[in-house]
Amino acid sequence: MYIVNGIVYGSEPSKDMEVTSVKNIGDYIILVTFSTGEVRLVDCTELFKLPAFKKIIDKTAFDTVKVNDGVLTWLDGAVDIAPESLYACSYEYPIAI
């Protein structure tokens, strides 16, 4: 367990993976770039099944998505998800070069 910015996390801190950018592409779908260089697709409607994410079902609240210190957050940090958890619920998104 560790604390960052007054938030208690149940896991151990990881420097292996961070979120470096996010792009909201509509309909609660986001493209997330991880520190590994991978860009992955996340259907956030799956997150709404969890009580912690009920606050961002409202479109205006969802649109506050941003990256804060390598973590995806909404509502100025009131809602967040660990990069590892986000990666686990994301899908491969091939980018044409």
PDB file of N, CA and C in Angstrom:
ATOM      1  N   MET A   1       0.844  -1.169   0.000  1.00  0.00           N
ATOM      2  CA  MET A   1       0.000   0.000   0.000  1.00  0.00           C
ATOM      3  C   MET A   1       0.898   1.244   0.000  1.00  0.00           C
ATOM      4  N   TYR A   2       0.432   2.296  -0.712  1.00  0.00           N
ATOM      5  CA  TYR A   2       1.175   3.546  -0.732  1.00  0.00           C
ATOM      6  C   TYR A   2       0.212   4.713  -0.925  1.00  0.00           C
ATOM      7  N   ILE A   3       0.681   5.910  -0.647  1.00  0.00           N
ATOM      8  CA  ILE A   3      -0.142   7.112  -0.742  1.00  0.00           C
ATOM      9  C   ILE A   3       0.544   8.116  -1.665  1.00  0.00           C
ATOM     10  N   VAL A   4      -0.223   8.641  -2.635  1.00  0.00           N
ATOM     11  CA  VAL A   4       0.258   9.688  -3.533  1.00  0.00           C
ATOM     12  C   VAL A   4      -0.821  10.754  -3.596  1.00  0.00           C
ATOM     13  N   ASN A   5      -0.442  11.988  -3.334  1.00  0.00           N
ATOM     14  CA  ASN A   5      -1.378  13.114  -3.371  1.00  0.00           C
ATOM     15  C   ASN A   5      -2.620  12.864  -2.518  1.00  0.00           C
ATOM     16  N   GLY A   6      -2.416  12.221  -1.368  1.00  0.00           N
ATOM     17  CA  GLY A   6      -3.516  11.978  -0.443  1.00  0.00           C
ATOM     18  C   GLY A   6      -4.411  10.817  -0.823  1.00  0.00           C
ATOM     19  N   ILE A   7      -4.066  10.087  -1.879  1.00  0.00           N
ATOM     20  CA  ILE A   7      -4.852   8.940  -2.315  1.00  0.00           C
ATOM     21  C   ILE A   7      -4.126   7.674  -1.909  1.00  0.00           C
ATOM     22  N   VAL A   8      -4.849   6.747  -1.263  1.00  0.00           N
ATOM     23  CA  VAL A   8      -4.275   5.484  -0.813  1.00  0.00           C
ATOM     24  C   VAL A   8      -4.500   4.435  -1.899  1.00  0.00           C
ATOM     25  N   TYR A   9      -3.422   3.783  -2.321  1.00  0.00           N
ATOM     26  CA  TYR A   9      -3.488   2.722  -3.319  1.00  0.00           C
ATOM     27  C   TYR A   9      -3.202   1.391  -2.653  1.00  0.00           C
ATOM     28  N   GLY A  10      -3.943   0.346  -3.024  1.00  0.00           N
ATOM     29  CA  GLY A  10      -3.813  -0.957  -2.391  1.00  0.00           C
ATOM     30  C   GLY A  10      -2.671  -1.791  -2.933  1.00  0.00           C
ATOM     31  N   SER A  11      -2.136  -1.426  -4.072  1.00  0.00           N
ATOM     32  CA  SER A  11      -1.041  -2.198  -4.661  1.00  0.00           C
ATOM     33  C   SER A  11       0.289  -1.518  -4.351  1.00  0.00           C
ATOM     34  N   GLU A  12       1.322  -2.013  -4.945  1.00  0.00           N
ATOM     35  CA  GLU A  12       2.643  -1.394  -4.805  1.00  0.00           C
ATOM     36  C   GLU A  12       2.872  -0.462  -5.982  1.00  0.00           C
ATOM     37  N   PRO A  13       3.585   0.631  -5.771  1.00  0.00           N
ATOM     38  CA  PRO A  13       3.834   1.547  -6.893  1.00  0.00           C
ATOM     39  C   PRO A  13       4.644   0.869  -7.985  1.00  0.00           C
ATOM     40  N   SER A  14       4.332   1.228  -9.203  1.00  0.00           N
ATOM     41  CA  SER A  14       5.029   0.641 -10.335  1.00  0.00           C
ATOM     42  C   SER A  14       5.557   1.755 -11.223  1.00  0.00           C
ATOM     43  N   LYS A  15       6.816   1.699 -11.536  1.00  0.00           N
ATOM     44  CA  LYS A  15       7.408   2.664 -12.456  1.00  0.00           C
ATOM     45  C   LYS A  15       7.502   2.066 -13.852  1.00  0.00           C
ATOM     46  N   ASP A  16       7.037   0.813 -13.996  1.00  0.00           N
ATOM     47  CA  ASP A  16       7.158   0.126 -15.269  1.00  0.00           C
ATOM     48  C   ASP A  16       6.184   0.642 -16.318  1.00  0.00           C
ATOM     49  N   MET A  17       5.005   1.090 -15.889  1.00  0.00           N
ATOM     50  CA  MET A  17       4.014   1.510 -16.865  1.00  0.00           C
ATOM     51  C   MET A  17       3.324   2.780 -16.390  1.00  0.00           C
ATOM     52  N   GLU A  18       3.201   3.711 -17.317  1.00  0.00           N
ATOM     53  CA  GLU A  18       2.461   4.940 -17.071  1.00  0.00           C
ATOM     54  C   GLU A  18       1.641   5.254 -18.311  1.00  0.00           C
ATOM     55  N   VAL A  19       0.638   6.068 -18.139  1.00  0.00           N
ATOM     56  CA  VAL A  19      -0.114   6.595 -19.269  1.00  0.00           C
ATOM     57  C   VAL A  19       0.586   7.885 -19.691  1.00  0.00           C
ATOM     58  N   THR A  20       0.876   8.006 -20.977  1.00  0.00           N
ATOM     59  CA  THR A  20       1.550   9.217 -21.451  1.00  0.00           C
ATOM     60  C   THR A  20       0.600  10.169 -22.174  1.00  0.00           C
ATOM     61  N   SER A  21      -0.479   9.628 -22.749  1.00  0.00           N
ATOM     62  CA  SER A  21      -1.464  10.501 -23.386  1.00  0.00           C
ATOM     63  C   SER A  21      -2.796   9.787 -23.526  1.00  0.00           C
ATOM     64  N   VAL A  22      -3.845  10.583 -23.689  1.00  0.00           N
ATOM     65  CA  VAL A  22      -5.189  10.031 -23.889  1.00  0.00           C
ATOM     66  C   VAL A  22      -5.898  10.883 -24.932  1.00  0.00           C
ATOM     67  N   LYS A  23      -6.689  10.220 -25.753  1.00  0.00           N
ATOM     68  CA  LYS A  23      -7.501  10.921 -26.751  1.00  0.00           C
ATOM     69  C   LYS A  23      -8.910  10.360 -26.666  1.00  0.00           C
ATOM     70  N   ASN A  24      -9.854  11.222 -26.364  1.00  0.00           N
ATOM     71  CA  ASN A  24     -11.260  10.852 -26.293  1.00  0.00           C
ATOM     72  C   ASN A  24     -11.799  10.858 -27.720  1.00  0.00           C
ATOM     73  N   ILE A  25     -12.216   9.689 -28.221  1.00  0.00           N
ATOM     74  CA  ILE A  25     -12.685   9.628 -29.613  1.00  0.00           C
ATOM     75  C   ILE A  25     -14.203   9.536 -29.709  1.00  0.00           C
ATOM     76  N   GLY A  26     -14.888   9.653 -28.575  1.00  0.00           N
ATOM     77  CA  GLY A  26     -16.349   9.683 -28.583  1.00  0.00           C
ATOM     78  C   GLY A  26     -16.977   8.387 -28.126  1.00  0.00           C
ATOM     79  N   ASP A  27     -18.237   8.483 -27.721  1.00  0.00           N
ATOM     80  CA  ASP A  27     -19.015   7.326 -27.261  1.00  0.00           C
ATOM     81  C   ASP A  27     -18.307   6.544 -26.159  1.00  0.00           C
ATOM     82  N   TYR A  28     -17.644   7.266 -25.266  1.00  0.00           N
ATOM     83  CA  TYR A  28     -16.940   6.667 -24.122  1.00  0.00           C
ATOM     84  C   TYR A  28     -15.791   5.742 -24.536  1.00  0.00           C
ATOM     85  N   ILE A  29     -15.250   5.999 -25.702  1.00  0.00           N
ATOM     86  CA  ILE A  29     -14.096   5.252 -26.206  1.00  0.00           C
ATOM     87  C   ILE A  29     -12.888   6.190 -26.176  1.00  0.00           C
ATOM     88  N   ILE A  30     -11.773   5.693 -25.650  1.00  0.00           N
ATOM     89  CA  ILE A  30     -10.550   6.493 -25.607  1.00  0.00           C
ATOM     90  C   ILE A  30      -9.381   5.703 -26.186  1.00  0.00           C
ATOM     91  N   LEU A  31      -8.431   6.434 -26.741  1.00  0.00           N
ATOM     92  CA  LEU A  31      -7.161   5.854 -27.155  1.00  0.00           C
ATOM     93  C   LEU A  31      -6.131   6.292 -26.125  1.00  0.00           C
ATOM     94  N   VAL A  32      -5.437   5.320 -25.566  1.00  0.00           N
ATOM     95  CA  VAL A  32      -4.471   5.590 -24.513  1.00  0.00           C
ATOM     96  C   VAL A  32      -3.088   5.174 -24.988  1.00  0.00           C
ATOM     97  N   THR A  33      -2.116   6.063 -24.819  1.00  0.00           N
ATOM     98  CA  THR A  33      -0.732   5.729 -25.106  1.00  0.00           C
ATOM     99  C   THR A  33      -0.037   5.470 -23.779  1.00  0.00           C
ATOM    100  N   PHE A  34       0.641   4.320 -23.704  1.00  0.00           N
ATOM    101  CA  PHE A  34       1.354   3.916 -22.499  1.00  0.00           C
ATOM    102  C   PHE A  34       2.844   4.190 -22.666  1.00  0.00           C
ATOM    103  N   SER A  35       3.545   4.207 -21.555  1.00  0.00           N
ATOM    104  CA  SER A  35       4.987   4.463 -21.577  1.00  0.00           C
ATOM    105  C   SER A  35       5.757   3.374 -22.322  1.00  0.00           C
ATOM    106  N   THR A  36       5.104   2.258 -22.601  1.00  0.00           N
ATOM    107  CA  THR A  36       5.716   1.193 -23.400  1.00  0.00           C
ATOM    108  C   THR A  36       5.739   1.556 -24.880  1.00  0.00           C
ATOM    109  N   GLY A  37       5.011   2.644 -25.235  1.00  0.00           N
ATOM    110  CA  GLY A  37       4.895   3.048 -26.627  1.00  0.00           C
ATOM    111  C   GLY A  37       3.635   2.523 -27.288  1.00  0.00           C
ATOM    112  N   GLU A  38       2.932   1.625 -26.623  1.00  0.00           N
ATOM    113  CA  GLU A  38       1.716   1.056 -27.189  1.00  0.00           C
ATOM    114  C   GLU A  38       0.559   2.045 -27.103  1.00  0.00           C
ATOM    115  N   VAL A  39      -0.244   2.064 -28.155  1.00  0.00           N
ATOM    116  CA  VAL A  39      -1.501   2.799 -28.158  1.00  0.00           C
ATOM    117  C   VAL A  39      -2.595   1.745 -28.112  1.00  0.00           C
ATOM    118  N   ARG A  40      -3.495   1.884 -27.120  1.00  0.00           N
ATOM    119  CA  ARG A  40      -4.535   0.873 -26.941  1.00  0.00           C
ATOM    120  C   ARG A  40      -5.899   1.528 -26.831  1.00  0.00           C
ATOM    121  N   LEU A  41      -6.922   0.800 -27.242  1.00  0.00           N
ATOM    122  CA  LEU A  41      -8.302   1.260 -27.245  1.00  0.00           C
ATOM    123  C   LEU A  41      -8.978   0.819 -25.955  1.00  0.00           C
ATOM    124  N   VAL A  42      -9.714   1.725 -25.326  1.00  0.00           N
ATOM    125  CA  VAL A  42     -10.431   1.396 -24.096  1.00  0.00           C
ATOM    126  C   VAL A  42     -11.893   1.772 -24.266  1.00  0.00           C
ATOM    127  N   ASP A  43     -12.775   0.786 -24.081  1.00  0.00           N
ATOM    128  CA  ASP A  43     -14.218   1.021 -24.061  1.00  0.00           C
ATOM    129  C   ASP A  43     -14.590   1.263 -22.604  1.00  0.00           C
ATOM    130  N   CYS A  44     -14.746   2.508 -22.231  1.00  0.00           N
ATOM    131  CA  CYS A  44     -14.958   2.860 -20.826  1.00  0.00           C
ATOM    132  C   CYS A  44     -16.336   2.480 -20.315  1.00  0.00           C
ATOM    133  N   THR A  45     -17.253   2.084 -21.190  1.00  0.00           N
ATOM    134  CA  THR A  45     -18.553   1.640 -20.698  1.00  0.00           C
ATOM    135  C   THR A  45     -18.394   0.397 -19.826  1.00  0.00           C
ATOM    136  N   GLU A  46     -17.329  -0.351 -20.034  1.00  0.00           N
ATOM    137  CA  GLU A  46     -17.058  -1.516 -19.181  1.00  0.00           C
ATOM    138  C   GLU A  46     -16.715  -1.079 -17.760  1.00  0.00           C
ATOM    139  N   LEU A  47     -16.080   0.080 -17.611  1.00  0.00           N
ATOM    140  CA  LEU A  47     -15.729   0.587 -16.286  1.00  0.00           C
ATOM    141  C   LEU A  47     -16.966   0.989 -15.496  1.00  0.00           C
ATOM    142  N   PHE A  48     -18.034   1.383 -16.183  1.00  0.00           N
ATOM    143  CA  PHE A  48     -19.236   1.865 -15.509  1.00  0.00           C
ATOM    144  C   PHE A  48     -19.906   0.784 -14.662  1.00  0.00           C
ATOM    145  N   LYS A  49     -19.520  -0.466 -14.844  1.00  0.00           N
ATOM    146  CA  LYS A  49     -20.054  -1.561 -14.026  1.00  0.00           C
ATOM    147  C   LYS A  49     -19.503  -1.504 -12.601  1.00  0.00           C
ATOM    148  N   LEU A  50     -18.411  -0.769 -12.418  1.00  0.00           N
ATOM    149  CA  LEU A  50     -17.768  -0.658 -11.108  1.00  0.00           C
ATOM    150  C   LEU A  50     -18.237   0.614 -10.416  1.00  0.00           C
ATOM    151  N   PRO A  51     -18.567   0.529  -9.123  1.00  0.00           N
ATOM    152  CA  PRO A  51     -19.097   1.697  -8.399  1.00  0.00           C
ATOM    153  C   PRO A  51     -18.215   2.942  -8.471  1.00  0.00           C
ATOM    154  N   ALA A  52     -16.919   2.790  -8.467  1.00  0.00           N
ATOM    155  CA  ALA A  52     -16.011   3.946  -8.470  1.00  0.00           C
ATOM    156  C   ALA A  52     -16.144   4.785  -9.736  1.00  0.00           C
ATOM    157  N   PHE A  53     -16.653   4.213 -10.800  1.00  0.00           N
ATOM    158  CA  PHE A  53     -16.729   4.919 -12.077  1.00  0.00           C
ATOM    159  C   PHE A  53     -18.123   5.441 -12.406  1.00  0.00           C
ATOM    160  N   LYS A  54     -19.069   5.288 -11.493  1.00  0.00           N
ATOM    161  CA  LYS A  54     -20.431   5.796 -11.712  1.00  0.00           C
ATOM    162  C   LYS A  54     -20.436   7.319 -11.876  1.00  0.00           C
ATOM    163  N   LYS A  55     -19.476   7.996 -11.258  1.00  0.00           N
ATOM    164  CA  LYS A  55     -19.412   9.467 -11.323  1.00  0.00           C
ATOM    165  C   LYS A  55     -19.126   9.983 -12.729  1.00  0.00           C
ATOM    166  N   ILE A  56     -18.574   9.138 -13.597  1.00  0.00           N
ATOM    167  CA  ILE A  56     -18.199   9.633 -14.934  1.00  0.00           C
ATOM    168  C   ILE A  56     -19.117   9.123 -16.041  1.00  0.00           C
ATOM    169  N   ILE A  57     -20.263   8.564 -15.664  1.00  0.00           N
ATOM    170  CA  ILE A  57     -21.235   8.145 -16.682  1.00  0.00           C
ATOM    171  C   ILE A  57     -21.774   9.367 -17.416  1.00  0.00           C
ATOM    172  N   ASP A  58     -21.937  10.469 -16.695  1.00  0.00           N
ATOM    173  CA  ASP A  58     -22.374  11.718 -17.311  1.00  0.00           C
ATOM    174  C   ASP A  58     -21.323  12.156 -18.337  1.00  0.00           C
ATOM    175  N   LYS A  59     -21.768  12.480 -19.530  1.00  0.00           N
ATOM    176  CA  LYS A  59     -20.853  12.834 -20.622  1.00  0.00           C
ATOM    177  C   LYS A  59     -19.943  14.008 -20.266  1.00  0.00           C
ATOM    178  N   THR A  60     -20.482  15.006 -19.597  1.00  0.00           N
ATOM    179  CA  THR A  60     -19.677  16.164 -19.213  1.00  0.00           C
ATOM    180  C   THR A  60     -18.560  15.754 -18.258  1.00  0.00           C
ATOM    181  N   ALA A  61     -18.871  14.883 -17.305  1.00  0.00           N
ATOM    182  CA  ALA A  61     -17.859  14.385 -16.364  1.00  0.00           C
ATOM    183  C   ALA A  61     -16.839  13.523 -17.093  1.00  0.00           C
ATOM    184  N   PHE A  62     -17.298  12.674 -18.002  1.00  0.00           N
ATOM    185  CA  PHE A  62     -16.382  11.799 -18.733  1.00  0.00           C
ATOM    186  C   PHE A  62     -15.397  12.617 -19.571  1.00  0.00           C
ATOM    187  N   ASP A  63     -15.873  13.690 -20.142  1.00  0.00           N
ATOM    188  CA  ASP A  63     -15.022  14.520 -21.008  1.00  0.00           C
ATOM    189  C   ASP A  63     -13.908  15.247 -20.258  1.00  0.00           C
ATOM    190  N   THR A  64     -13.866  15.140 -18.933  1.00  0.00           N
ATOM    191  CA  THR A  64     -12.776  15.757 -18.160  1.00  0.00           C
ATOM    192  C   THR A  64     -11.537  14.866 -18.118  1.00  0.00           C
ATOM    193  N   VAL A  65     -11.542  13.766 -18.844  1.00  0.00           N
ATOM    194  CA  VAL A  65     -10.435  12.809 -18.826  1.00  0.00           C
ATOM    195  C   VAL A  65      -9.114  13.494 -19.176  1.00  0.00           C
ATOM    196  N   LYS A  66      -8.075  13.166 -18.398  1.00  0.00           N
ATOM    197  CA  LYS A  66      -6.730  13.680 -18.682  1.00  0.00           C
ATOM    198  C   LYS A  66      -5.708  12.790 -17.982  1.00  0.00           C
ATOM    199  N   VAL A  67      -4.453  13.013 -18.318  1.00  0.00           N
ATOM    200  CA  VAL A  67      -3.354  12.277 -17.692  1.00  0.00           C
ATOM    201  C   VAL A  67      -2.762  13.155 -16.603  1.00  0.00           C
ATOM    202  N   ASN A  68      -2.610  12.583 -15.416  1.00  0.00           N
ATOM    203  CA  ASN A  68      -2.029  13.300 -14.287  1.00  0.00           C
ATOM    204  C   ASN A  68      -0.973  12.400 -13.649  1.00  0.00           C
ATOM    205  N   ASP A  69       0.292  12.795 -13.780  1.00  0.00           N
ATOM    206  CA  ASP A  69       1.406  12.014 -13.213  1.00  0.00           C
ATOM    207  C   ASP A  69       1.392  10.552 -13.655  1.00  0.00           C
ATOM    208  N   GLY A  70       1.099  10.315 -14.936  1.00  0.00           N
ATOM    209  CA  GLY A  70       1.144   8.966 -15.486  1.00  0.00           C
ATOM    210  C   GLY A  70      -0.092   8.129 -15.231  1.00  0.00           C
ATOM    211  N   VAL A  71      -1.129   8.746 -14.661  1.00  0.00           N
ATOM    212  CA  VAL A  71      -2.370   8.037 -14.334  1.00  0.00           C
ATOM    213  C   VAL A  71      -3.525   8.731 -15.041  1.00  0.00           C
ATOM    214  N   LEU A  72      -4.462   7.953 -15.578  1.00  0.00           N
ATOM    215  CA  LEU A  72      -5.641   8.520 -16.206  1.00  0.00           C
ATOM    216  C   LEU A  72      -6.613   8.963 -15.121  1.00  0.00           C
ATOM    217  N   THR A  73      -7.084  10.208 -15.218  1.00  0.00           N
ATOM    218  CA  THR A  73      -7.988  10.749 -14.197  1.00  0.00           C
ATOM    219  C   THR A  73      -9.173  11.460 -14.838  1.00  0.00           C
ATOM    220  N   TRP A  74     -10.215  11.596 -14.050  1.00  0.00           N
ATOM    221  CA  TRP A  74     -11.387  12.380 -14.408  1.00  0.00           C
ATOM    222  C   TRP A  74     -11.733  13.266 -13.225  1.00  0.00           C
ATOM    223  N   LEU A  75     -12.484  14.313 -13.495  1.00  0.00           N
ATOM    224  CA  LEU A  75     -12.998  15.200 -12.442  1.00  0.00           C
ATOM    225  C   LEU A  75     -11.876  15.696 -11.532  1.00  0.00           C
ATOM    226  N   ASP A  76     -10.814  16.199 -12.143  1.00  0.00           N
ATOM    227  CA  ASP A  76      -9.671  16.747 -11.399  1.00  0.00           C
ATOM    228  C   ASP A  76      -9.102  15.772 -10.372  1.00  0.00           C
ATOM    229  N   GLY A  77      -9.053  14.504 -10.748  1.00  0.00           N
ATOM    230  CA  GLY A  77      -8.440  13.487  -9.889  1.00  0.00           C
ATOM    231  C   GLY A  77      -9.394  12.788  -8.947  1.00  0.00           C
ATOM    232  N   ALA A  78     -10.681  13.155  -8.954  1.00  0.00           N
ATOM    233  CA  ALA A  78     -11.652  12.494  -8.070  1.00  0.00           C
ATOM    234  C   ALA A  78     -11.858  11.038  -8.472  1.00  0.00           C
ATOM    235  N   VAL A  79     -11.650  10.746  -9.748  1.00  0.00           N
ATOM    236  CA  VAL A  79     -11.762   9.378 -10.263  1.00  0.00           C
ATOM    237  C   VAL A  79     -10.490   9.086 -11.037  1.00  0.00           C
ATOM    238  N   ASP A  80      -9.894   7.918 -10.790  1.00  0.00           N
ATOM    239  CA  ASP A  80      -8.704   7.540 -11.548  1.00  0.00           C
ATOM    240  C   ASP A  80      -8.641   6.026 -11.703  1.00  0.00           C
ATOM    241  N   ILE A  81      -7.723   5.601 -12.539  1.00  0.00           N
ATOM    242  CA  ILE A  81      -7.503   4.169 -12.743  1.00  0.00           C
ATOM    243  C   ILE A  81      -6.008   3.952 -12.944  1.00  0.00           C
ATOM    244  N   ALA A  82      -5.485   2.950 -12.283  1.00  0.00           N
ATOM    245  CA  ALA A  82      -4.063   2.626 -12.385  1.00  0.00           C
ATOM    246  C   ALA A  82      -3.727   2.202 -13.811  1.00  0.00           C
ATOM    247  N   PRO A  83      -2.553   2.576 -14.299  1.00  0.00           N
ATOM    248  CA  PRO A  83      -2.170   2.211 -15.665  1.00  0.00           C
ATOM    249  C   PRO A  83      -2.259   0.706 -15.934  1.00  0.00           C
ATOM    250  N   GLU A  84      -1.867  -0.101 -14.963  1.00  0.00           N
ATOM    251  CA  GLU A  84      -1.899  -1.557 -15.152  1.00  0.00           C
ATOM    252  C   GLU A  84      -3.333  -2.063 -15.300  1.00  0.00           C
ATOM    253  N   SER A  85      -4.245  -1.509 -14.533  1.00  0.00           N
ATOM    254  CA  SER A  85      -5.654  -1.900 -14.634  1.00  0.00           C
ATOM    255  C   SER A  85      -6.244  -1.432 -15.953  1.00  0.00           C
ATOM    256  N   LEU A  86      -5.882  -0.227 -16.357  1.00  0.00           N
ATOM    257  CA  LEU A  86      -6.350   0.312 -17.623  1.00  0.00           C
ATOM    258  C   LEU A  86      -5.847  -0.541 -18.781  1.00  0.00           C
ATOM    259  N   TYR A  87      -4.582  -0.921 -18.722  1.00  0.00           N
ATOM    260  CA  TYR A  87      -3.993  -1.766 -19.767  1.00  0.00           C
ATOM    261  C   TYR A  87      -4.737  -3.101 -19.850  1.00  0.00           C
ATOM    262  N   ALA A  88      -5.057  -3.672 -18.685  1.00  0.00           N
ATOM    263  CA  ALA A  88      -5.715  -4.980 -18.643  1.00  0.00           C
ATOM    264  C   ALA A  88      -7.101  -4.959 -19.292  1.00  0.00           C
ATOM    265  N   CYS A  89      -7.768  -3.807 -19.268  1.00  0.00           N
ATOM    266  CA  CYS A  89      -9.112  -3.746 -19.862  1.00  0.00           C
ATOM    267  C   CYS A  89      -9.099  -3.058 -21.225  1.00  0.00           C
ATOM    268  N   SER A  90      -7.915  -2.926 -21.817  1.00  0.00           N
ATOM    269  CA  SER A  90      -7.798  -2.267 -23.118  1.00  0.00           C
ATOM    270  C   SER A  90      -7.593  -3.302 -24.224  1.00  0.00           C
ATOM    271  N   TYR A  91      -7.679  -2.809 -25.439  1.00  0.00           N
ATOM    272  CA  TYR A  91      -7.540  -3.672 -26.618  1.00  0.00           C
ATOM    273  C   TYR A  91      -6.425  -3.157 -27.515  1.00  0.00           C
ATOM    274  N   GLU A  92      -5.739  -4.081 -28.143  1.00  0.00           N
ATOM    275  CA  GLU A  92      -4.685  -3.715 -29.078  1.00  0.00           C
ATOM    276  C   GLU A  92      -5.267  -2.806 -30.163  1.00  0.00           C
ATOM    277  N   TYR A  93      -4.522  -1.780 -30.501  1.00  0.00           N
ATOM    278  CA  TYR A  93      -4.951  -0.826 -31.520  1.00  0.00           C
ATOM    279  C   TYR A  93      -3.791  -0.602 -32.473  1.00  0.00           C
ATOM    280  N   PRO A  94      -3.798  -1.319 -33.588  1.00  0.00           N
ATOM    281  CA  PRO A  94      -2.679  -1.163 -34.534  1.00  0.00           C
ATOM    282  C   PRO A  94      -2.706   0.202 -35.206  1.00  0.00           C
ATOM    283  N   ILE A  95      -1.556   0.810 -35.254  1.00  0.00           N
ATOM    284  CA  ILE A  95      -1.430   2.120 -35.898  1.00  0.00           C
ATOM    285  C   ILE A  95      -0.668   1.941 -37.207  1.00  0.00           C
ATOM    286  N   ALA A  96      -1.269   2.415 -38.291  1.00  0.00           N
ATOM    287  CA  ALA A  96      -0.596   2.351 -39.591  1.00  0.00           C
ATOM    288  C   ALA A  96       0.480   3.423 -39.647  1.00  0.00           C
ATOM    289  N   ILE A  97       1.644   3.034 -40.111  1.00  0.00           N
ATOM    290  CA  ILE A  97       2.751   3.986 -40.228  1.00  0.00           C
ATOM    291  C   ILE A  97       2.907   4.410 -41.669  1.00  0.00           C
TER     292      ILE A  97
END
